[in-house]
Amino acid sequence: MSAETPKEENQTPPPVQVGWPMFYCPSSQVHSDGEIAKIRKECKKESFWYRALPLSLGSMLVAQGLVSKGILSANPKLGALPKMAIAGVLGFGIGKMSYIGECQKKFQKSGYGPKKKRHCHHVCKECEAKLKSKEKEGSTPSGS
């Protein structure tokens, strides 16, 4: 009997998800976190390679061209470098932001999004009791 007590003490409760309470499911928590992490990683990678890097390089080339044609003035000491750096940073930021819609579509396809709410299919006894009490409250007549 004393051998059972240490096992119960060593058991850890399921991880609590912080920041996204609407997706909390004690039975499938680990799977959900992994799925979310996978989508986030994929979005970061794709937004960099498909939007941020091309827009950054393109805007830097345009800035260099504008400085070389005399439309923009070059810095006396550094030349076109400051304007190219600013254009590159702005292009990178705009590229990252322009991919937000694509990432939202990926989350919605997998069931995480405002249009498609994800529900936990694992119901604990406490949740069942709360649901039954809410149903009873809703079925009682309000008038006397």
N, C-alpha and C. Protein backbone atom coordinates (compact mmCIF):
# COMPACT_ATOMS: atom_id res chain seq x y z
N MET A 1 0.82 -1.19 0.00
CA MET A 1 0.00 0.00 0.00
C MET A 1 0.86 1.25 0.00
N SER A 2 1.98 1.20 0.72
CA SER A 2 2.87 2.36 0.75
C SER A 2 3.58 2.53 -0.59
N ALA A 3 3.66 1.47 -1.40
CA ALA A 3 4.30 1.57 -2.71
C ALA A 3 3.43 2.37 -3.68
N GLU A 4 2.11 2.38 -3.45
CA GLU A 4 1.21 3.12 -4.34
C GLU A 4 1.28 4.63 -4.11
N THR A 5 1.51 5.05 -2.91
CA THR A 5 1.53 6.47 -2.56
C THR A 5 2.63 7.22 -3.32
N PRO A 6 3.89 6.74 -3.39
CA PRO A 6 4.90 7.48 -4.13
C PRO A 6 4.57 7.61 -5.61
N LYS A 7 3.94 6.60 -6.21
CA LYS A 7 3.56 6.69 -7.62
C LYS A 7 2.57 7.82 -7.83
N GLU A 8 1.61 7.96 -6.94
CA GLU A 8 0.63 9.02 -7.08
C GLU A 8 1.28 10.39 -6.89
N GLU A 9 2.27 10.48 -6.00
CA GLU A 9 2.94 11.75 -5.77
C GLU A 9 3.79 12.15 -6.97
N ASN A 10 4.36 11.18 -7.69
CA ASN A 10 5.23 11.47 -8.82
C ASN A 10 4.46 11.83 -10.08
N GLN A 11 3.17 11.54 -10.11
CA GLN A 11 2.39 11.85 -11.30
C GLN A 11 2.20 13.36 -11.40
N THR A 12 2.38 13.86 -12.60
CA THR A 12 2.21 15.30 -12.82
C THR A 12 0.87 15.55 -13.48
N PRO A 13 0.24 16.66 -13.16
CA PRO A 13 -1.04 16.97 -13.80
C PRO A 13 -0.82 17.33 -15.27
N PRO A 14 -1.86 17.27 -16.09
CA PRO A 14 -1.69 17.62 -17.50
C PRO A 14 -1.28 19.09 -17.61
N PRO A 15 -0.48 19.42 -18.64
CA PRO A 15 -0.02 20.80 -18.78
C PRO A 15 -1.18 21.75 -19.03
N VAL A 16 -1.08 22.93 -18.46
CA VAL A 16 -2.12 23.94 -18.62
C VAL A 16 -1.68 24.88 -19.73
N GLN A 17 -2.54 25.09 -20.68
CA GLN A 17 -2.23 25.96 -21.81
C GLN A 17 -2.49 27.40 -21.42
N VAL A 18 -1.50 28.25 -21.60
CA VAL A 18 -1.61 29.65 -21.23
C VAL A 18 -1.84 30.47 -22.50
N GLY A 19 -2.79 31.39 -22.45
CA GLY A 19 -3.00 32.30 -23.56
C GLY A 19 -4.09 31.87 -24.53
N TRP A 20 -4.41 30.60 -24.61
CA TRP A 20 -5.42 30.12 -25.55
C TRP A 20 -6.41 29.23 -24.83
N PRO A 21 -7.17 29.75 -23.87
CA PRO A 21 -8.04 28.88 -23.08
C PRO A 21 -9.13 28.21 -23.89
N MET A 22 -9.51 28.78 -25.02
CA MET A 22 -10.61 28.17 -25.78
C MET A 22 -10.18 26.86 -26.44
N PHE A 23 -8.86 26.59 -26.52
CA PHE A 23 -8.39 25.37 -27.14
C PHE A 23 -7.95 24.33 -26.12
N TYR A 24 -8.16 24.60 -24.83
CA TYR A 24 -7.67 23.70 -23.81
C TYR A 24 -8.47 22.40 -23.81
N CYS A 25 -7.75 21.34 -23.89
CA CYS A 25 -8.34 20.01 -23.78
C CYS A 25 -7.33 19.15 -23.03
N PRO A 26 -7.66 18.70 -21.83
CA PRO A 26 -6.68 17.96 -21.05
C PRO A 26 -6.21 16.66 -21.70
N SER A 27 -7.06 16.05 -22.52
CA SER A 27 -6.68 14.77 -23.12
C SER A 27 -5.83 14.93 -24.37
N SER A 28 -6.01 16.02 -25.11
CA SER A 28 -5.26 16.17 -26.35
C SER A 28 -4.37 17.40 -26.34
N GLN A 29 -3.96 17.85 -25.16
CA GLN A 29 -3.18 19.08 -25.03
C GLN A 29 -1.84 18.99 -25.76
N VAL A 30 -1.12 17.90 -25.58
CA VAL A 30 0.21 17.78 -26.16
C VAL A 30 0.12 17.80 -27.69
N HIS A 31 -0.84 17.10 -28.24
CA HIS A 31 -1.02 17.06 -29.69
C HIS A 31 -1.32 18.44 -30.24
N SER A 32 -2.18 19.20 -29.55
CA SER A 32 -2.55 20.52 -30.01
C SER A 32 -1.36 21.47 -30.00
N ASP A 33 -0.56 21.42 -28.94
CA ASP A 33 0.61 22.30 -28.87
C ASP A 33 1.58 21.98 -30.00
N GLY A 34 1.78 20.72 -30.29
CA GLY A 34 2.68 20.32 -31.37
C GLY A 34 2.17 20.76 -32.72
N GLU A 35 0.88 20.66 -32.90
CA GLU A 35 0.27 21.06 -34.17
C GLU A 35 0.37 22.57 -34.37
N ILE A 36 0.12 23.32 -33.31
CA ILE A 36 0.23 24.78 -33.39
C ILE A 36 1.68 25.18 -33.66
N ALA A 37 2.61 24.54 -32.97
CA ALA A 37 4.03 24.86 -33.17
C ALA A 37 4.47 24.56 -34.60
N LYS A 38 3.96 23.47 -35.14
CA LYS A 38 4.31 23.10 -36.52
C LYS A 38 3.80 24.15 -37.51
N ILE A 39 2.58 24.59 -37.33
CA ILE A 39 2.01 25.60 -38.23
C ILE A 39 2.77 26.92 -38.10
N ARG A 40 3.07 27.31 -36.86
CA ARG A 40 3.82 28.57 -36.64
C ARG A 40 5.19 28.51 -37.30
N LYS A 41 5.89 27.39 -37.15
CA LYS A 41 7.22 27.24 -37.74
C LYS A 41 7.13 27.31 -39.27
N GLU A 42 6.13 26.64 -39.81
CA GLU A 42 5.92 26.64 -41.26
C GLU A 42 5.62 28.06 -41.76
N CYS A 43 4.80 28.79 -41.03
CA CYS A 43 4.47 30.16 -41.41
C CYS A 43 5.69 31.07 -41.36
N LYS A 44 6.50 30.93 -40.32
CA LYS A 44 7.72 31.74 -40.22
C LYS A 44 8.65 31.49 -41.40
N LYS A 45 8.83 30.22 -41.72
CA LYS A 45 9.73 29.85 -42.81
C LYS A 45 9.21 30.37 -44.15
N GLU A 46 7.95 30.12 -44.42
CA GLU A 46 7.38 30.53 -45.70
C GLU A 46 7.29 32.04 -45.83
N SER A 47 6.95 32.73 -44.75
CA SER A 47 6.86 34.19 -44.83
C SER A 47 8.24 34.80 -45.10
N PHE A 48 9.28 34.19 -44.56
CA PHE A 48 10.63 34.69 -44.83
C PHE A 48 11.02 34.46 -46.28
N TRP A 49 10.92 33.22 -46.74
CA TRP A 49 11.41 32.89 -48.07
C TRP A 49 10.51 33.41 -49.20
N TYR A 50 9.21 33.43 -49.00
CA TYR A 50 8.30 33.80 -50.09
C TYR A 50 7.90 35.27 -50.11
N ARG A 51 8.01 35.97 -48.99
CA ARG A 51 7.59 37.37 -48.96
C ARG A 51 8.66 38.32 -48.46
N ALA A 52 9.18 38.08 -47.27
CA ALA A 52 10.08 39.06 -46.62
C ALA A 52 11.39 39.21 -47.39
N LEU A 53 12.06 38.13 -47.68
CA LEU A 53 13.34 38.22 -48.37
C LEU A 53 13.21 38.82 -49.78
N PRO A 54 12.27 38.35 -50.60
CA PRO A 54 12.14 38.97 -51.93
C PRO A 54 11.79 40.46 -51.88
N LEU A 55 10.86 40.85 -51.00
CA LEU A 55 10.51 42.27 -50.91
C LEU A 55 11.66 43.10 -50.37
N SER A 56 12.40 42.55 -49.43
CA SER A 56 13.54 43.26 -48.87
C SER A 56 14.60 43.49 -49.95
N LEU A 57 14.97 42.44 -50.64
CA LEU A 57 15.99 42.58 -51.70
C LEU A 57 15.51 43.49 -52.82
N GLY A 58 14.25 43.33 -53.20
CA GLY A 58 13.70 44.18 -54.27
C GLY A 58 13.69 45.65 -53.89
N SER A 59 13.29 45.94 -52.68
CA SER A 59 13.25 47.34 -52.26
C SER A 59 14.66 47.92 -52.13
N MET A 60 15.61 47.08 -51.75
CA MET A 60 17.01 47.56 -51.69
C MET A 60 17.54 47.86 -53.09
N LEU A 61 17.19 47.03 -54.06
CA LEU A 61 17.62 47.29 -55.44
C LEU A 61 16.98 48.57 -55.99
N VAL A 62 15.72 48.78 -55.68
CA VAL A 62 15.03 49.99 -56.12
C VAL A 62 15.68 51.22 -55.49
N ALA A 63 15.97 51.15 -54.21
CA ALA A 63 16.63 52.27 -53.52
C ALA A 63 17.99 52.56 -54.14
N GLN A 64 18.76 51.52 -54.44
CA GLN A 64 20.06 51.71 -55.08
C GLN A 64 19.90 52.36 -56.45
N GLY A 65 18.91 51.89 -57.20
CA GLY A 65 18.65 52.48 -58.52
C GLY A 65 18.26 53.95 -58.43
N LEU A 66 17.42 54.28 -57.46
CA LEU A 66 16.99 55.68 -57.30
C LEU A 66 18.16 56.58 -56.89
N VAL A 67 19.04 56.06 -56.07
CA VAL A 67 20.22 56.85 -55.67
C VAL A 67 21.17 57.01 -56.86
N SER A 68 21.38 55.96 -57.62
CA SER A 68 22.31 56.04 -58.76
C SER A 68 21.77 56.95 -59.87
N LYS A 69 20.46 57.06 -60.03
CA LYS A 69 19.88 57.96 -61.03
C LYS A 69 19.79 59.39 -60.53
N GLY A 70 20.04 59.60 -59.25
CA GLY A 70 20.01 60.94 -58.70
C GLY A 70 18.66 61.38 -58.18
N ILE A 71 17.66 60.49 -58.17
CA ILE A 71 16.34 60.82 -57.66
C ILE A 71 16.40 60.96 -56.14
N LEU A 72 17.13 60.07 -55.48
CA LEU A 72 17.41 60.18 -54.05
C LEU A 72 18.87 60.61 -53.88
N SER A 73 19.12 61.43 -52.89
CA SER A 73 20.49 61.88 -52.67
C SER A 73 21.26 60.86 -51.83
N ALA A 74 22.52 60.68 -52.18
CA ALA A 74 23.38 59.74 -51.45
C ALA A 74 23.98 60.44 -50.24
N ASN A 75 24.27 59.68 -49.23
CA ASN A 75 24.94 60.19 -48.03
C ASN A 75 26.39 60.50 -48.41
N PRO A 76 26.92 61.65 -47.99
CA PRO A 76 28.29 62.00 -48.36
C PRO A 76 29.34 60.97 -47.92
N LYS A 77 29.17 60.36 -46.77
CA LYS A 77 30.16 59.40 -46.27
C LYS A 77 29.83 57.96 -46.64
N LEU A 78 28.55 57.59 -46.53
CA LEU A 78 28.15 56.18 -46.69
C LEU A 78 27.52 55.85 -48.03
N GLY A 79 27.25 56.83 -48.84
CA GLY A 79 26.66 56.61 -50.14
C GLY A 79 25.20 56.18 -50.04
N ALA A 80 24.83 55.15 -50.79
CA ALA A 80 23.44 54.68 -50.85
C ALA A 80 23.10 53.72 -49.71
N LEU A 81 24.09 53.31 -48.94
CA LEU A 81 23.88 52.28 -47.91
C LEU A 81 22.77 52.60 -46.91
N PRO A 82 22.68 53.82 -46.32
CA PRO A 82 21.59 54.06 -45.36
C PRO A 82 20.20 53.93 -45.98
N LYS A 83 20.03 54.44 -47.18
CA LYS A 83 18.72 54.35 -47.83
C LYS A 83 18.39 52.91 -48.22
N MET A 84 19.39 52.17 -48.62
CA MET A 84 19.17 50.76 -48.94
C MET A 84 18.82 49.97 -47.68
N ALA A 85 19.47 50.28 -46.57
CA ALA A 85 19.17 49.57 -45.32
C ALA A 85 17.74 49.85 -44.87
N ILE A 86 17.34 51.11 -44.94
CA ILE A 86 15.96 51.47 -44.55
C ILE A 86 14.96 50.77 -45.46
N ALA A 87 15.23 50.79 -46.77
CA ALA A 87 14.33 50.13 -47.72
C ALA A 87 14.28 48.63 -47.46
N GLY A 88 15.42 48.03 -47.12
CA GLY A 88 15.47 46.59 -46.84
C GLY A 88 14.66 46.22 -45.60
N VAL A 89 14.79 47.02 -44.54
CA VAL A 89 14.05 46.75 -43.31
C VAL A 89 12.55 46.93 -43.55
N LEU A 90 12.17 48.00 -44.25
CA LEU A 90 10.75 48.21 -44.54
C LEU A 90 10.19 47.09 -45.43
N GLY A 91 10.95 46.69 -46.44
CA GLY A 91 10.51 45.59 -47.30
C GLY A 91 10.34 44.30 -46.53
N PHE A 92 11.27 44.04 -45.61
CA PHE A 92 11.19 42.83 -44.79
C PHE A 92 9.93 42.84 -43.92
N GLY A 93 9.69 43.98 -43.26
CA GLY A 93 8.51 44.09 -42.39
C GLY A 93 7.21 43.96 -43.17
N ILE A 94 7.15 44.62 -44.30
CA ILE A 94 5.94 44.55 -45.13
C ILE A 94 5.74 43.13 -45.65
N GLY A 95 6.83 42.47 -46.01
CA GLY A 95 6.74 41.08 -46.48
C GLY A 95 6.22 40.14 -45.41
N LYS A 96 6.71 40.30 -44.19
CA LYS A 96 6.23 39.46 -43.08
C LYS A 96 4.75 39.72 -42.82
N MET A 97 4.36 40.99 -42.79
CA MET A 97 2.96 41.32 -42.51
C MET A 97 2.03 40.86 -43.64
N SER A 98 2.53 40.86 -44.86
CA SER A 98 1.68 40.47 -45.98
C SER A 98 1.35 38.98 -45.97
N TYR A 99 2.09 38.20 -45.20
CA TYR A 99 1.85 36.76 -45.14
C TYR A 99 0.90 36.36 -44.02
N ILE A 100 0.43 37.32 -43.25
CA ILE A 100 -0.46 37.02 -42.12
C ILE A 100 -1.73 36.31 -42.59
N GLY A 101 -2.31 36.77 -43.68
CA GLY A 101 -3.53 36.14 -44.19
C GLY A 101 -3.34 34.69 -44.55
N GLU A 102 -2.21 34.36 -45.14
CA GLU A 102 -1.92 32.97 -45.50
C GLU A 102 -1.81 32.10 -44.24
N CYS A 103 -1.17 32.64 -43.22
CA CYS A 103 -1.03 31.89 -41.97
C CYS A 103 -2.40 31.67 -41.31
N GLN A 104 -3.25 32.69 -41.36
CA GLN A 104 -4.59 32.53 -40.80
C GLN A 104 -5.34 31.43 -41.52
N LYS A 105 -5.19 31.33 -42.83
CA LYS A 105 -5.84 30.26 -43.59
C LYS A 105 -5.34 28.90 -43.16
N LYS A 106 -4.03 28.79 -42.90
CA LYS A 106 -3.47 27.51 -42.46
C LYS A 106 -4.05 27.11 -41.10
N PHE A 107 -4.15 28.06 -40.18
CA PHE A 107 -4.73 27.76 -38.87
C PHE A 107 -6.20 27.37 -39.01
N GLN A 108 -6.94 28.04 -39.88
CA GLN A 108 -8.35 27.72 -40.05
C GLN A 108 -8.53 26.35 -40.68
N LYS A 109 -7.67 25.98 -41.62
CA LYS A 109 -7.76 24.66 -42.24
C LYS A 109 -7.56 23.54 -41.21
N SER A 110 -6.69 23.79 -40.23
CA SER A 110 -6.43 22.77 -39.23
C SER A 110 -7.41 22.81 -38.06
N GLY A 111 -8.33 23.79 -38.08
CA GLY A 111 -9.34 23.85 -37.04
C GLY A 111 -9.11 24.89 -35.97
N TYR A 112 -8.09 25.71 -36.12
CA TYR A 112 -7.80 26.77 -35.15
C TYR A 112 -8.08 28.11 -35.80
N GLY A 113 -9.21 28.66 -35.53
CA GLY A 113 -9.48 29.96 -36.10
C GLY A 113 -10.82 30.51 -35.67
N PRO A 114 -11.06 31.78 -35.94
CA PRO A 114 -12.31 32.39 -35.51
C PRO A 114 -13.54 31.83 -36.21
N LYS A 115 -13.41 31.40 -37.45
CA LYS A 115 -14.57 30.90 -38.19
C LYS A 115 -14.91 29.47 -37.82
N LYS A 116 -13.92 28.72 -37.43
CA LYS A 116 -14.12 27.31 -37.14
C LYS A 116 -13.62 27.03 -35.73
N LYS A 117 -14.52 26.99 -34.77
CA LYS A 117 -14.12 26.78 -33.38
C LYS A 117 -13.81 25.31 -33.16
N ARG A 118 -12.75 25.06 -32.44
CA ARG A 118 -12.36 23.70 -32.13
C ARG A 118 -12.93 23.32 -30.78
N HIS A 119 -13.57 22.20 -30.72
CA HIS A 119 -14.16 21.75 -29.47
C HIS A 119 -13.45 20.49 -29.00
N CYS A 120 -13.34 20.38 -27.72
CA CYS A 120 -12.74 19.21 -27.11
C CYS A 120 -13.77 18.08 -27.12
N HIS A 121 -13.37 16.94 -27.63
CA HIS A 121 -14.28 15.80 -27.67
C HIS A 121 -14.16 14.93 -26.42
N HIS A 122 -13.24 15.28 -25.55
CA HIS A 122 -13.04 14.56 -24.31
C HIS A 122 -13.73 15.33 -23.20
N VAL A 123 -14.78 14.75 -22.64
CA VAL A 123 -15.55 15.44 -21.61
C VAL A 123 -15.28 14.80 -20.26
N CYS A 124 -14.85 15.62 -19.33
CA CYS A 124 -14.60 15.11 -17.98
C CYS A 124 -15.91 15.13 -17.19
N LYS A 125 -15.90 14.49 -16.04
CA LYS A 125 -17.12 14.40 -15.22
C LYS A 125 -17.56 15.77 -14.73
N GLU A 126 -16.59 16.62 -14.40
CA GLU A 126 -16.91 17.96 -13.92
C GLU A 126 -17.61 18.78 -15.02
N CYS A 127 -17.11 18.66 -16.25
CA CYS A 127 -17.72 19.40 -17.37
C CYS A 127 -19.12 18.88 -17.68
N GLU A 128 -19.28 17.56 -17.60
CA GLU A 128 -20.60 16.98 -17.83
C GLU A 128 -21.61 17.50 -16.81
N ALA A 129 -21.18 17.60 -15.55
CA ALA A 129 -22.06 18.10 -14.49
C ALA A 129 -22.44 19.55 -14.75
N LYS A 130 -21.46 20.37 -15.17
CA LYS A 130 -21.74 21.77 -15.47
C LYS A 130 -22.72 21.89 -16.64
N LEU A 131 -22.52 21.07 -17.66
CA LEU A 131 -23.39 21.09 -18.82
C LEU A 131 -24.81 20.70 -18.45
N LYS A 132 -24.95 19.67 -17.63
CA LYS A 132 -26.28 19.23 -17.20
C LYS A 132 -26.97 20.29 -16.36
N SER A 133 -26.21 20.96 -15.49
CA SER A 133 -26.82 22.01 -14.65
C SER A 133 -27.25 23.20 -15.51
N LYS A 134 -26.49 23.51 -16.55
CA LYS A 134 -26.88 24.60 -17.45
C LYS A 134 -28.13 24.23 -18.23
N GLU A 135 -28.22 22.97 -18.66
CA GLU A 135 -29.41 22.52 -19.38
C GLU A 135 -30.65 22.58 -18.48
N LYS A 136 -30.50 22.20 -17.21
CA LYS A 136 -31.61 22.26 -16.28
C LYS A 136 -32.06 23.68 -16.04
N GLU A 137 -31.09 24.61 -15.92
CA GLU A 137 -31.44 26.01 -15.71
C GLU A 137 -32.17 26.59 -16.91
N GLY A 138 -31.75 26.18 -18.09
CA GLY A 138 -32.38 26.69 -19.31
C GLY A 138 -33.76 26.10 -19.55
N SER A 139 -34.05 24.90 -19.02
CA SER A 139 -35.34 24.25 -19.26
C SER A 139 -36.41 24.64 -18.25
N THR A 140 -36.02 25.26 -17.14
CA THR A 140 -37.02 25.66 -16.15
C THR A 140 -37.76 26.89 -16.63
N PRO A 141 -39.07 26.94 -16.44
CA PRO A 141 -39.84 28.11 -16.88
C PRO A 141 -39.48 29.33 -16.05
N SER A 142 -39.36 30.48 -16.72
CA SER A 142 -38.98 31.70 -16.01
C SER A 142 -40.19 32.41 -15.38
N GLY A 143 -41.36 32.18 -15.89
CA GLY A 143 -42.56 32.82 -15.33
C GLY A 143 -43.19 31.97 -14.25
N SER A 144 -44.02 32.59 -13.37
CA SER A 144 -44.64 31.83 -12.31
C SER A 144 -46.08 31.51 -12.61
